[in-house]
């Protein structure tokens, strides 16, 4: 279990030491960001065309095309090793590994 840090001057929920977010938070953030981007596209399209119907068509099409492009972009980046940890030469420890267990295992066996 990750260590928790409490802010004694606040009633906020404690943060985990790892700083990770729950998947639901990431999903809500992604959805709100996509909605923000689509509203921006709709408003800009309306401003440039002066036609709300055309702007709505552009905005609704943009939602689908950007999701597809994002997926393809992610898949392409999965094939690129730039910036990834070298798992063969670097010790990668998950949060459930005990520090004493790590000391007992020589580097050559990982």
PDB file of N, CA and C in Angstrom:
ATOM      1  N   UNK A   1       0.839  -1.180   0.000  1.00  0.00           N
ATOM      2  CA  UNK A   1       0.000   0.000   0.000  1.00  0.00           C
ATOM      3  C   UNK A   1       0.883   1.241   0.000  1.00  0.00           C
ATOM      4  N   UNK A   2       0.660   2.206  -0.919  1.00  0.00           N
ATOM      5  CA  UNK A   2       1.497   3.395  -0.947  1.00  0.00           C
ATOM      6  C   UNK A   2       1.298   4.239   0.301  1.00  0.00           C
ATOM      7  N   UNK A   3       2.361   4.946   0.679  1.00  0.00           N
ATOM      8  CA  UNK A   3       2.264   5.847   1.824  1.00  0.00           C
ATOM      9  C   UNK A   3       1.325   6.992   1.466  1.00  0.00           C
ATOM     10  N   UNK A   4       0.617   7.499   2.461  1.00  0.00           N
ATOM     11  CA  UNK A   4      -0.282   8.622   2.235  1.00  0.00           C
ATOM     12  C   UNK A   4       0.245   9.840   2.981  1.00  0.00           C
ATOM     13  N   UNK A   5       0.089  10.987   2.362  1.00  0.00           N
ATOM     14  CA  UNK A   5       0.525  12.233   2.957  1.00  0.00           C
ATOM     15  C   UNK A   5      -0.698  13.070   3.268  1.00  0.00           C
ATOM     16  N   UNK A   6      -0.770  13.584   4.471  1.00  0.00           N
ATOM     17  CA  UNK A   6      -1.918  14.368   4.899  1.00  0.00           C
ATOM     18  C   UNK A   6      -1.525  15.826   5.059  1.00  0.00           C
ATOM     19  N   UNK A   7      -2.390  16.690   4.605  1.00  0.00           N
ATOM     20  CA  UNK A   7      -2.210  18.113   4.795  1.00  0.00           C
ATOM     21  C   UNK A   7      -2.988  18.489   6.050  1.00  0.00           C
ATOM     22  N   UNK A   8      -2.279  18.819   7.109  1.00  0.00           N
ATOM     23  CA  UNK A   8      -2.941  19.061   8.388  1.00  0.00           C
ATOM     24  C   UNK A   8      -3.804  20.322   8.376  1.00  0.00           C
ATOM     25  N   UNK A   9      -3.595  21.222   7.421  1.00  0.00           N
ATOM     26  CA  UNK A   9      -4.364  22.464   7.378  1.00  0.00           C
ATOM     27  C   UNK A   9      -5.487  22.394   6.353  1.00  0.00           C
ATOM     28  N   UNK A  10      -5.791  21.213   5.873  1.00  0.00           N
ATOM     29  CA  UNK A  10      -6.806  21.080   4.839  1.00  0.00           C
ATOM     30  C   UNK A  10      -7.632  19.824   5.059  1.00  0.00           C
ATOM     31  N   UNK A  11      -8.865  19.867   4.613  1.00  0.00           N
ATOM     32  CA  UNK A  11      -9.724  18.687   4.682  1.00  0.00           C
ATOM     33  C   UNK A  11      -9.669  17.886   3.386  1.00  0.00           C
ATOM     34  N   UNK A  12      -8.692  18.211   2.510  1.00  0.00           N
ATOM     35  CA  UNK A  12      -8.587  17.526   1.223  1.00  0.00           C
ATOM     36  C   UNK A  12      -8.249  16.058   1.430  1.00  0.00           C
ATOM     37  N   UNK A  13      -8.648  15.273   0.459  1.00  0.00           N
ATOM     38  CA  UNK A  13      -8.337  13.853   0.477  1.00  0.00           C
ATOM     39  C   UNK A  13      -6.828  13.669   0.321  1.00  0.00           C
ATOM     40  N   UNK A  14      -6.212  12.743   1.040  1.00  0.00           N
ATOM     41  CA  UNK A  14      -4.764  12.572   0.953  1.00  0.00           C
ATOM     42  C   UNK A  14      -4.327  12.072  -0.424  1.00  0.00           C
ATOM     43  N   UNK A  15      -3.126  12.481  -0.823  1.00  0.00           N
ATOM     44  CA  UNK A  15      -2.557  12.030  -2.094  1.00  0.00           C
ATOM     45  C   UNK A  15      -1.691  10.807  -1.837  1.00  0.00           C
ATOM     46  N   UNK A  16      -1.570   9.942  -2.819  1.00  0.00           N
ATOM     47  CA  UNK A  16      -0.704   8.783  -2.675  1.00  0.00           C
ATOM     48  C   UNK A  16       0.725   9.194  -2.985  1.00  0.00           C
ATOM     49  N   UNK A  17       1.677   8.474  -2.436  1.00  0.00           N
ATOM     50  CA  UNK A  17       3.082   8.782  -2.644  1.00  0.00           C
ATOM     51  C   UNK A  17       3.463   8.629  -4.104  1.00  0.00           C
ATOM     52  N   UNK A  18       2.822   7.718  -4.811  1.00  0.00           N
ATOM     53  CA  UNK A  18       3.164   7.493  -6.210  1.00  0.00           C
ATOM     54  C   UNK A  18       2.617   8.579  -7.121  1.00  0.00           C
ATOM     55  N   UNK A  19       1.638   9.353  -6.664  1.00  0.00           N
ATOM     56  CA  UNK A  19       1.077  10.429  -7.465  1.00  0.00           C
ATOM     57  C   UNK A  19       0.200   9.944  -8.606  1.00  0.00           C
ATOM     58  N   UNK A  20      -0.162   8.683  -8.601  1.00  0.00           N
ATOM     59  CA  UNK A  20      -0.961   8.147  -9.702  1.00  0.00           C
ATOM     60  C   UNK A  20      -2.429   8.509  -9.533  1.00  0.00           C
ATOM     61  N   UNK A  21      -3.126   8.482 -10.641  1.00  0.00           N
ATOM     62  CA  UNK A  21      -4.556   8.764 -10.639  1.00  0.00           C
ATOM     63  C   UNK A  21      -5.318   7.477 -10.886  1.00  0.00           C
ATOM     64  N   UNK A  22      -6.539   7.440 -10.421  1.00  0.00           N
ATOM     65  CA  UNK A  22      -7.395   6.299 -10.728  1.00  0.00           C
ATOM     66  C   UNK A  22      -7.825   6.397 -12.186  1.00  0.00           C
ATOM     67  N   UNK A  23      -8.073   5.259 -12.831  1.00  0.00           N
ATOM     68  CA  UNK A  23      -8.479   5.287 -14.237  1.00  0.00           C
ATOM     69  C   UNK A  23      -9.731   6.131 -14.493  1.00  0.00           C
ATOM     70  N   UNK A  24     -10.676   6.145 -13.571  1.00  0.00           N
ATOM     71  CA  UNK A  24     -11.901   6.913 -13.777  1.00  0.00           C
ATOM     72  C   UNK A  24     -11.592   8.398 -13.876  1.00  0.00           C
ATOM     73  N   UNK A  25     -10.628   8.870 -13.079  1.00  0.00           N
ATOM     74  CA  UNK A  25     -10.227  10.283 -13.144  1.00  0.00           C
ATOM     75  C   UNK A  25      -9.631  10.605 -14.513  1.00  0.00           C
ATOM     76  N   UNK A  26      -8.768   9.720 -15.015  1.00  0.00           N
ATOM     77  CA  UNK A  26      -8.168   9.928 -16.332  1.00  0.00           C
ATOM     78  C   UNK A  26      -9.236   9.930 -17.424  1.00  0.00           C
ATOM     79  N   UNK A  27     -10.218   9.038 -17.299  1.00  0.00           N
ATOM     80  CA  UNK A  27     -11.291   8.972 -18.283  1.00  0.00           C
ATOM     81  C   UNK A  27     -12.130  10.249 -18.274  1.00  0.00           C
ATOM     82  N   UNK A  28     -12.474  10.737 -17.085  1.00  0.00           N
ATOM     83  CA  UNK A  28     -13.262  11.968 -16.977  1.00  0.00           C
ATOM     84  C   UNK A  28     -12.468  13.158 -17.506  1.00  0.00           C
ATOM     85  N   UNK A  29     -11.162  13.215 -17.190  1.00  0.00           N
ATOM     86  CA  UNK A  29     -10.322  14.295 -17.687  1.00  0.00           C
ATOM     87  C   UNK A  29     -10.229  14.262 -19.216  1.00  0.00           C
ATOM     88  N   UNK A  30     -10.046  13.075 -19.781  1.00  0.00           N
ATOM     89  CA  UNK A  30      -9.957  12.947 -21.239  1.00  0.00           C
ATOM     90  C   UNK A  30     -11.263  13.377 -21.897  1.00  0.00           C
ATOM     91  N   UNK A  31     -12.383  12.979 -21.307  1.00  0.00           N
ATOM     92  CA  UNK A  31     -13.690  13.346 -21.850  1.00  0.00           C
ATOM     93  C   UNK A  31     -13.909  14.850 -21.760  1.00  0.00           C
ATOM     94  N   UNK A  32     -13.559  15.452 -20.633  1.00  0.00           N
ATOM     95  CA  UNK A  32     -13.756  16.893 -20.486  1.00  0.00           C
ATOM     96  C   UNK A  32     -12.841  17.666 -21.434  1.00  0.00           C
ATOM     97  N   UNK A  33     -11.624  17.160 -21.653  1.00  0.00           N
ATOM     98  CA  UNK A  33     -10.716  17.821 -22.587  1.00  0.00           C
ATOM     99  C   UNK A  33     -11.240  17.714 -24.016  1.00  0.00           C
ATOM    100  N   UNK A  34     -11.760  16.546 -24.382  1.00  0.00           N
ATOM    101  CA  UNK A  34     -12.296  16.360 -25.732  1.00  0.00           C
ATOM    102  C   UNK A  34     -13.503  17.272 -25.937  1.00  0.00           C
ATOM    103  N   UNK A  35     -14.369  17.385 -24.929  1.00  0.00           N
ATOM    104  CA  UNK A  35     -15.532  18.262 -24.995  1.00  0.00           C
ATOM    105  C   UNK A  35     -15.094  19.719 -25.139  1.00  0.00           C
ATOM    106  N   UNK A  36     -14.089  20.126 -24.378  1.00  0.00           N
ATOM    107  CA  UNK A  36     -13.558  21.489 -24.473  1.00  0.00           C
ATOM    108  C   UNK A  36     -13.032  21.770 -25.882  1.00  0.00           C
ATOM    109  N   UNK A  37     -12.284  20.839 -26.429  1.00  0.00           N
ATOM    110  CA  UNK A  37     -11.746  21.000 -27.782  1.00  0.00           C
ATOM    111  C   UNK A  37     -12.838  21.069 -28.838  1.00  0.00           C
ATOM    112  N   UNK A  38     -13.876  20.266 -28.675  1.00  0.00           N
ATOM    113  CA  UNK A  38     -14.970  20.260 -29.648  1.00  0.00           C
ATOM    114  C   UNK A  38     -15.787  21.550 -29.588  1.00  0.00           C
ATOM    115  N   UNK A  39     -15.994  22.065 -28.392  1.00  0.00           N
ATOM    116  CA  UNK A  39     -16.703  23.348 -28.259  1.00  0.00           C
ATOM    117  C   UNK A  39     -15.874  24.457 -28.903  1.00  0.00           C
ATOM    118  N   UNK A  40     -14.569  24.423 -28.700  1.00  0.00           N
ATOM    119  CA  UNK A  40     -13.680  25.399 -29.329  1.00  0.00           C
ATOM    120  C   UNK A  40     -13.791  25.328 -30.852  1.00  0.00           C
ATOM    121  N   UNK A  41     -13.762  24.121 -31.402  1.00  0.00           N
ATOM    122  CA  UNK A  41     -13.882  23.948 -32.852  1.00  0.00           C
ATOM    123  C   UNK A  41     -15.221  24.448 -33.352  1.00  0.00           C
ATOM    124  N   UNK A  42     -16.293  24.134 -32.634  1.00  0.00           N
ATOM    125  CA  UNK A  42     -17.632  24.587 -33.017  1.00  0.00           C
ATOM    126  C   UNK A  42     -17.695  26.119 -33.050  1.00  0.00           C
ATOM    127  N   UNK A  43     -17.185  26.765 -31.999  1.00  0.00           N
ATOM    128  CA  UNK A  43     -17.232  28.229 -31.928  1.00  0.00           C
ATOM    129  C   UNK A  43     -16.370  28.884 -33.015  1.00  0.00           C
ATOM    130  N   UNK A  44     -15.176  28.341 -33.226  1.00  0.00           N
ATOM    131  CA  UNK A  44     -14.321  28.891 -34.286  1.00  0.00           C
ATOM    132  C   UNK A  44     -14.943  28.695 -35.667  1.00  0.00           C
ATOM    133  N   UNK A  45     -15.532  27.531 -35.885  1.00  0.00           N
ATOM    134  CA  UNK A  45     -16.190  27.271 -37.171  1.00  0.00           C
ATOM    135  C   UNK A  45     -17.358  28.225 -37.383  1.00  0.00           C
ATOM    136  N   UNK A  46     -18.114  28.464 -36.340  1.00  0.00           N
ATOM    137  CA  UNK A  46     -19.252  29.393 -36.414  1.00  0.00           C
ATOM    138  C   UNK A  46     -18.762  30.814 -36.695  1.00  0.00           C
ATOM    139  N   UNK A  47     -17.665  31.189 -36.025  1.00  0.00           N
ATOM    140  CA  UNK A  47     -17.094  32.518 -36.224  1.00  0.00           C
ATOM    141  C   UNK A  47     -16.641  32.708 -37.674  1.00  0.00           C
ATOM    142  N   UNK A  48     -15.953  31.710 -38.233  1.00  0.00           N
ATOM    143  CA  UNK A  48     -15.407  31.839 -39.582  1.00  0.00           C
ATOM    144  C   UNK A  48     -16.446  31.654 -40.684  1.00  0.00           C
ATOM    145  N   UNK A  49     -17.450  30.803 -40.446  1.00  0.00           N
ATOM    146  CA  UNK A  49     -18.448  30.557 -41.491  1.00  0.00           C
ATOM    147  C   UNK A  49     -19.695  31.416 -41.323  1.00  0.00           C
ATOM    148  N   UNK A  50     -19.997  31.810 -40.099  1.00  0.00           N
ATOM    149  CA  UNK A  50     -21.219  32.557 -39.835  1.00  0.00           C
ATOM    150  C   UNK A  50     -22.463  31.685 -39.909  1.00  0.00           C
ATOM    151  N   UNK A  51     -22.269  30.377 -39.991  1.00  0.00           N
ATOM    152  CA  UNK A  51     -23.384  29.450 -40.154  1.00  0.00           C
ATOM    153  C   UNK A  51     -23.305  28.396 -39.047  1.00  0.00           C
ATOM    154  N   UNK A  52     -24.272  28.414 -38.137  1.00  0.00           N
ATOM    155  CA  UNK A  52     -24.259  27.490 -37.001  1.00  0.00           C
ATOM    156  C   UNK A  52     -24.426  26.039 -37.446  1.00  0.00           C
ATOM    157  N   UNK A  53     -25.203  25.816 -38.500  1.00  0.00           N
ATOM    158  CA  UNK A  53     -25.420  24.446 -38.994  1.00  0.00           C
ATOM    159  C   UNK A  53     -24.112  23.841 -39.512  1.00  0.00           C
ATOM    160  N   UNK A  54     -23.370  24.625 -40.277  1.00  0.00           N
ATOM    161  CA  UNK A  54     -22.077  24.147 -40.789  1.00  0.00           C
ATOM    162  C   UNK A  54     -21.097  23.958 -39.631  1.00  0.00           C
ATOM    163  N   UNK A  55     -21.113  24.896 -38.695  1.00  0.00           N
ATOM    164  CA  UNK A  55     -20.223  24.805 -37.535  1.00  0.00           C
ATOM    165  C   UNK A  55     -20.504  23.538 -36.726  1.00  0.00           C
ATOM    166  N   UNK A  56     -21.772  23.201 -36.541  1.00  0.00           N
ATOM    167  CA  UNK A  56     -22.139  21.985 -35.811  1.00  0.00           C
ATOM    168  C   UNK A  56     -21.681  20.735 -36.561  1.00  0.00           C
ATOM    169  N   UNK A  57     -21.788  20.764 -37.882  1.00  0.00           N
ATOM    170  CA  UNK A  57     -21.327  19.632 -38.691  1.00  0.00           C
ATOM    171  C   UNK A  57     -19.814  19.457 -38.563  1.00  0.00           C
ATOM    172  N   UNK A  58     -19.096  20.558 -38.616  1.00  0.00           N
ATOM    173  CA  UNK A  58     -17.639  20.496 -38.459  1.00  0.00           C
ATOM    174  C   UNK A  58     -17.283  19.997 -37.057  1.00  0.00           C
ATOM    175  N   UNK A  59     -17.927  20.542 -36.043  1.00  0.00           N
ATOM    176  CA  UNK A  59     -17.643  20.152 -34.667  1.00  0.00           C
ATOM    177  C   UNK A  59     -17.923  18.687 -34.392  1.00  0.00           C
ATOM    178  N   UNK A  60     -19.036  18.180 -34.898  1.00  0.00           N
ATOM    179  CA  UNK A  60     -19.378  16.775 -34.647  1.00  0.00           C
ATOM    180  C   UNK A  60     -18.473  15.824 -35.441  1.00  0.00           C
ATOM    181  N   UNK A  61     -18.073  16.230 -36.639  1.00  0.00           N
ATOM    182  CA  UNK A  61     -17.154  15.405 -37.429  1.00  0.00           C
ATOM    183  C   UNK A  61     -15.778  15.380 -36.771  1.00  0.00           C
ATOM    184  N   UNK A  62     -15.372  16.516 -36.245  1.00  0.00           N
ATOM    185  CA  UNK A  62     -14.064  16.651 -35.624  1.00  0.00           C
ATOM    186  C   UNK A  62     -13.903  15.730 -34.416  1.00  0.00           C
ATOM    187  N   UNK A  63     -14.960  15.514 -33.671  1.00  0.00           N
ATOM    188  CA  UNK A  63     -14.885  14.617 -32.508  1.00  0.00           C
ATOM    189  C   UNK A  63     -14.438  13.227 -32.950  1.00  0.00           C
ATOM    190  N   UNK A  64     -15.057  12.702 -33.973  1.00  0.00           N
ATOM    191  CA  UNK A  64     -14.751  11.348 -34.446  1.00  0.00           C
ATOM    192  C   UNK A  64     -13.365  11.292 -35.081  1.00  0.00           C
ATOM    193  N   UNK A  65     -13.065  12.238 -35.963  1.00  0.00           N
ATOM    194  CA  UNK A  65     -11.772  12.179 -36.653  1.00  0.00           C
ATOM    195  C   UNK A  65     -10.604  12.327 -35.689  1.00  0.00           C
ATOM    196  N   UNK A  66     -10.734  13.185 -34.698  1.00  0.00           N
ATOM    197  CA  UNK A  66      -9.623  13.371 -33.753  1.00  0.00           C
ATOM    198  C   UNK A  66      -9.443  12.157 -32.856  1.00  0.00           C
ATOM    199  N   UNK A  67     -10.524  11.467 -32.517  1.00  0.00           N
ATOM    200  CA  UNK A  67     -10.379  10.238 -31.726  1.00  0.00           C
ATOM    201  C   UNK A  67      -9.654   9.171 -32.539  1.00  0.00           C
ATOM    202  N   UNK A  68      -9.996   9.037 -33.816  1.00  0.00           N
ATOM    203  CA  UNK A  68      -9.335   8.060 -34.680  1.00  0.00           C
ATOM    204  C   UNK A  68      -7.865   8.435 -34.862  1.00  0.00           C
ATOM    205  N   UNK A  69      -7.601   9.704 -35.133  1.00  0.00           N
ATOM    206  CA  UNK A  69      -6.218  10.151 -35.305  1.00  0.00           C
ATOM    207  C   UNK A  69      -5.400   9.945 -34.027  1.00  0.00           C
ATOM    208  N   UNK A  70      -5.998  10.211 -32.880  1.00  0.00           N
ATOM    209  CA  UNK A  70      -5.293  10.011 -31.615  1.00  0.00           C
ATOM    210  C   UNK A  70      -4.940   8.534 -31.422  1.00  0.00           C
ATOM    211  N   UNK A  71      -5.884   7.655 -31.712  1.00  0.00           N
ATOM    212  CA  UNK A  71      -5.635   6.220 -31.582  1.00  0.00           C
ATOM    213  C   UNK A  71      -4.477   5.794 -32.489  1.00  0.00           C
ATOM    214  N   UNK A  72      -4.518   6.231 -33.749  1.00  0.00           N
ATOM    215  CA  UNK A  72      -3.455   5.872 -34.692  1.00  0.00           C
ATOM    216  C   UNK A  72      -2.110   6.459 -34.250  1.00  0.00           C
ATOM    217  N   UNK A  73      -2.132   7.663 -33.736  1.00  0.00           N
ATOM    218  CA  UNK A  73      -0.929   8.310 -33.225  1.00  0.00           C
ATOM    219  C   UNK A  73      -0.341   7.510 -32.062  1.00  0.00           C
ATOM    220  N   UNK A  74      -1.172   7.078 -31.127  1.00  0.00           N
ATOM    221  CA  UNK A  74      -0.714   6.270 -29.993  1.00  0.00           C
ATOM    222  C   UNK A  74      -0.122   4.947 -30.460  1.00  0.00           C
ATOM    223  N   UNK A  75      -0.770   4.297 -31.416  1.00  0.00           N
ATOM    224  CA  UNK A  75      -0.271   3.014 -31.915  1.00  0.00           C
ATOM    225  C   UNK A  75       1.081   3.193 -32.593  1.00  0.00           C
ATOM    226  N   UNK A  76       1.238   4.277 -33.340  1.00  0.00           N
ATOM    227  CA  UNK A  76       2.521   4.553 -33.986  1.00  0.00           C
ATOM    228  C   UNK A  76       3.610   4.786 -32.942  1.00  0.00           C
ATOM    229  N   UNK A  77       3.308   5.551 -31.905  1.00  0.00           N
ATOM    230  CA  UNK A  77       4.289   5.829 -30.859  1.00  0.00           C
ATOM    231  C   UNK A  77       4.637   4.585 -30.050  1.00  0.00           C
ATOM    232  N   UNK A  78       3.758   3.594 -30.004  1.00  0.00           N
ATOM    233  CA  UNK A  78       4.085   2.342 -29.319  1.00  0.00           C
ATOM    234  C   UNK A  78       5.236   1.617 -29.990  1.00  0.00           C
ATOM    235  N   UNK A  79       5.471   1.906 -31.241  1.00  0.00           N
ATOM    236  CA  UNK A  79       6.560   1.257 -31.991  1.00  0.00           C
ATOM    237  C   UNK A  79       7.885   1.999 -31.860  1.00  0.00           C
ATOM    238  N   UNK A  80       7.870   3.168 -31.261  1.00  0.00           N
ATOM    239  CA  UNK A  80       9.068   3.994 -31.128  1.00  0.00           C
ATOM    240  C   UNK A  80       9.620   3.841 -29.714  1.00  0.00           C
ATOM    241  N   UNK A  81      10.904   3.551 -29.613  1.00  0.00           N
ATOM    242  CA  UNK A  81      11.496   3.307 -28.292  1.00  0.00           C
ATOM    243  C   UNK A  81      12.033   4.575 -27.633  1.00  0.00           C
ATOM    244  N   UNK A  82      12.020   5.698 -28.296  1.00  0.00           N
ATOM    245  CA  UNK A  82      12.538   6.950 -27.759  1.00  0.00           C
ATOM    246  C   UNK A  82      11.929   7.271 -26.389  1.00  0.00           C
ATOM    247  N   UNK A  83      12.784   7.418 -25.375  1.00  0.00           N
ATOM    248  CA  UNK A  83      12.336   7.808 -24.047  1.00  0.00           C
ATOM    249  C   UNK A  83      11.808   6.695 -23.171  1.00  0.00           C
ATOM    250  N   UNK A  84      11.821   5.478 -23.650  1.00  0.00           N
ATOM    251  CA  UNK A  84      11.357   4.351 -22.836  1.00  0.00           C
ATOM    252  C   UNK A  84      12.503   3.803 -21.999  1.00  0.00           C
ATOM    253  N   UNK A  85      12.164   3.251 -20.837  1.00  0.00           N
ATOM    254  CA  UNK A  85      13.172   2.628 -19.984  1.00  0.00           C
ATOM    255  C   UNK A  85      13.640   1.338 -20.630  1.00  0.00           C
ATOM    256  N   UNK A  86      14.917   1.069 -20.518  1.00  0.00           N
ATOM    257  CA  UNK A  86      15.482  -0.173 -21.040  1.00  0.00           C
ATOM    258  C   UNK A  86      15.263  -1.249 -19.982  1.00  0.00           C
ATOM    259  N   UNK A  87      14.227  -2.063 -20.160  1.00  0.00           N
ATOM    260  CA  UNK A  87      13.852  -3.034 -19.132  1.00  0.00           C
ATOM    261  C   UNK A  87      14.872  -4.153 -18.961  1.00  0.00           C
ATOM    262  N   UNK A  88      15.784  -4.320 -19.909  1.00  0.00           N
ATOM    263  CA  UNK A  88      16.775  -5.374 -19.776  1.00  0.00           C
ATOM    264  C   UNK A  88      17.958  -4.949 -18.914  1.00  0.00           C
ATOM    265  N   UNK A  89      18.200  -3.646 -18.813  1.00  0.00           N
ATOM    266  CA  UNK A  89      19.365  -3.180 -18.072  1.00  0.00           C
ATOM    267  C   UNK A  89      19.005  -2.318 -16.865  1.00  0.00           C
ATOM    268  N   UNK A  90      17.765  -1.988 -16.708  1.00  0.00           N
ATOM    269  CA  UNK A  90      17.336  -1.128 -15.620  1.00  0.00           C
ATOM    270  C   UNK A  90      16.406  -1.911 -14.708  1.00  0.00           C
ATOM    271  N   UNK A  91      16.595  -1.791 -13.407  1.00  0.00           N
ATOM    272  CA  UNK A  91      15.725  -2.497 -12.471  1.00  0.00           C
ATOM    273  C   UNK A  91      14.395  -1.772 -12.399  1.00  0.00           C
ATOM    274  N   UNK A  92      13.345  -2.451 -12.752  1.00  0.00           N
ATOM    275  CA  UNK A  92      12.010  -1.886 -12.671  1.00  0.00           C
ATOM    276  C   UNK A  92      11.292  -2.593 -11.534  1.00  0.00           C
ATOM    277  N   UNK A  93      10.835  -1.821 -10.554  1.00  0.00           N
ATOM    278  CA  UNK A  93      10.234  -2.387  -9.363  1.00  0.00           C
ATOM    279  C   UNK A  93       8.794  -1.916  -9.269  1.00  0.00           C
ATOM    280  N   UNK A  94       7.877  -2.839  -9.089  1.00  0.00           N
ATOM    281  CA  UNK A  94       6.492  -2.397  -8.914  1.00  0.00           C
ATOM    282  C   UNK A  94       6.277  -2.029  -7.456  1.00  0.00           C
ATOM    283  N   UNK A  95       5.163  -1.397  -7.183  1.00  0.00           N
ATOM    284  CA  UNK A  95       4.937  -0.848  -5.845  1.00  0.00           C
ATOM    285  C   UNK A  95       4.722  -1.901  -4.774  1.00  0.00           C
ATOM    286  N   UNK A  96       4.568  -3.175  -5.157  1.00  0.00           N
ATOM    287  CA  UNK A  96       4.334  -4.223  -4.177  1.00  0.00           C
ATOM    288  C   UNK A  96       5.621  -4.952  -3.788  1.00  0.00           C
ATOM    289  N   UNK A  97       6.727  -4.633  -4.437  1.00  0.00           N
ATOM    290  CA  UNK A  97       7.985  -5.305  -4.137  1.00  0.00           C
ATOM    291  C   UNK A  97       8.558  -4.777  -2.836  1.00  0.00           C
ATOM    292  N   UNK A  98       8.962  -5.667  -1.990  1.00  0.00           N
ATOM    293  CA  UNK A  98       9.564  -5.306  -0.712  1.00  0.00           C
ATOM    294  C   UNK A  98      11.031  -4.941  -0.943  1.00  0.00           C
ATOM    295  N   UNK A  99      11.490  -3.897  -0.274  1.00  0.00           N
ATOM    296  CA  UNK A  99      12.870  -3.440  -0.425  1.00  0.00           C
ATOM    297  C   UNK A  99      13.852  -4.537  -0.033  1.00  0.00           C
ATOM    298  N   UNK A 100      13.541  -5.315   1.013  1.00  0.00           N
ATOM    299  CA  UNK A 100      14.429  -6.397   1.438  1.00  0.00           C
ATOM    300  C   UNK A 100      14.527  -7.477   0.367  1.00  0.00           C
ATOM    301  N   UNK A 101      13.426  -7.722  -0.363  1.00  0.00           N
ATOM    302  CA  UNK A 101      13.460  -8.700  -1.458  1.00  0.00           C
ATOM    303  C   UNK A 101      14.393  -8.221  -2.554  1.00  0.00           C
ATOM    304  N   UNK A 102      14.404  -6.925  -2.823  1.00  0.00           N
ATOM    305  CA  UNK A 102      15.270  -6.379  -3.866  1.00  0.00           C
ATOM    306  C   UNK A 102      16.737  -6.566  -3.497  1.00  0.00           C
ATOM    307  N   UNK A 103      17.075  -6.354  -2.227  1.00  0.00           N
ATOM    308  CA  UNK A 103      18.452  -6.482  -1.784  1.00  0.00           C
ATOM    309  C   UNK A 103      18.926  -7.930  -1.873  1.00  0.00           C
ATOM    310  N   UNK A 104      18.003  -8.875  -1.732  1.00  0.00           N
ATOM    311  CA  UNK A 104      18.357 -10.289  -1.740  1.00  0.00           C
ATOM    312  C   UNK A 104      18.579 -10.818  -3.155  1.00  0.00           C
ATOM    313  N   UNK A 105      18.119 -10.088  -4.177  1.00  0.00           N
ATOM    314  CA  UNK A 105      18.245 -10.563  -5.556  1.00  0.00           C
ATOM    315  C   UNK A 105      19.397  -9.838  -6.234  1.00  0.00           C
ATOM    316  N   UNK A 106      20.412 -10.583  -6.696  1.00  0.00           N
ATOM    317  CA  UNK A 106      21.525  -9.932  -7.393  1.00  0.00           C
ATOM    318  C   UNK A 106      21.064  -9.322  -8.727  1.00  0.00           C
ATOM    319  N   UNK A 107      21.725  -8.241  -9.151  1.00  0.00           N
ATOM    320  CA  UNK A 107      21.366  -7.551 -10.388  1.00  0.00           C
ATOM    321  C   UNK A 107      21.415  -8.466 -11.597  1.00  0.00           C
ATOM    322  N   UNK A 108      22.319  -9.396 -11.649  1.00  0.00           N
ATOM    323  CA  UNK A 108      22.490 -10.255 -12.827  1.00  0.00           C
ATOM    324  C   UNK A 108      21.321 -11.189 -13.057  1.00  0.00           C
ATOM    325  N   UNK A 109      20.502 -11.438 -12.034  1.00  0.00           N
ATOM    326  CA  UNK A 109      19.383 -12.358 -12.198  1.00  0.00           C
ATOM    327  C   UNK A 109      18.109 -11.659 -12.665  1.00  0.00           C
ATOM    328  N   UNK A 110      18.132 -10.334 -12.764  1.00  0.00           N
ATOM    329  CA  UNK A 110      16.921  -9.584 -13.174  1.00  0.00           C
ATOM    330  C   UNK A 110      16.929  -9.395 -14.658  1.00  0.00           C
TER     331      UNK A 110
END
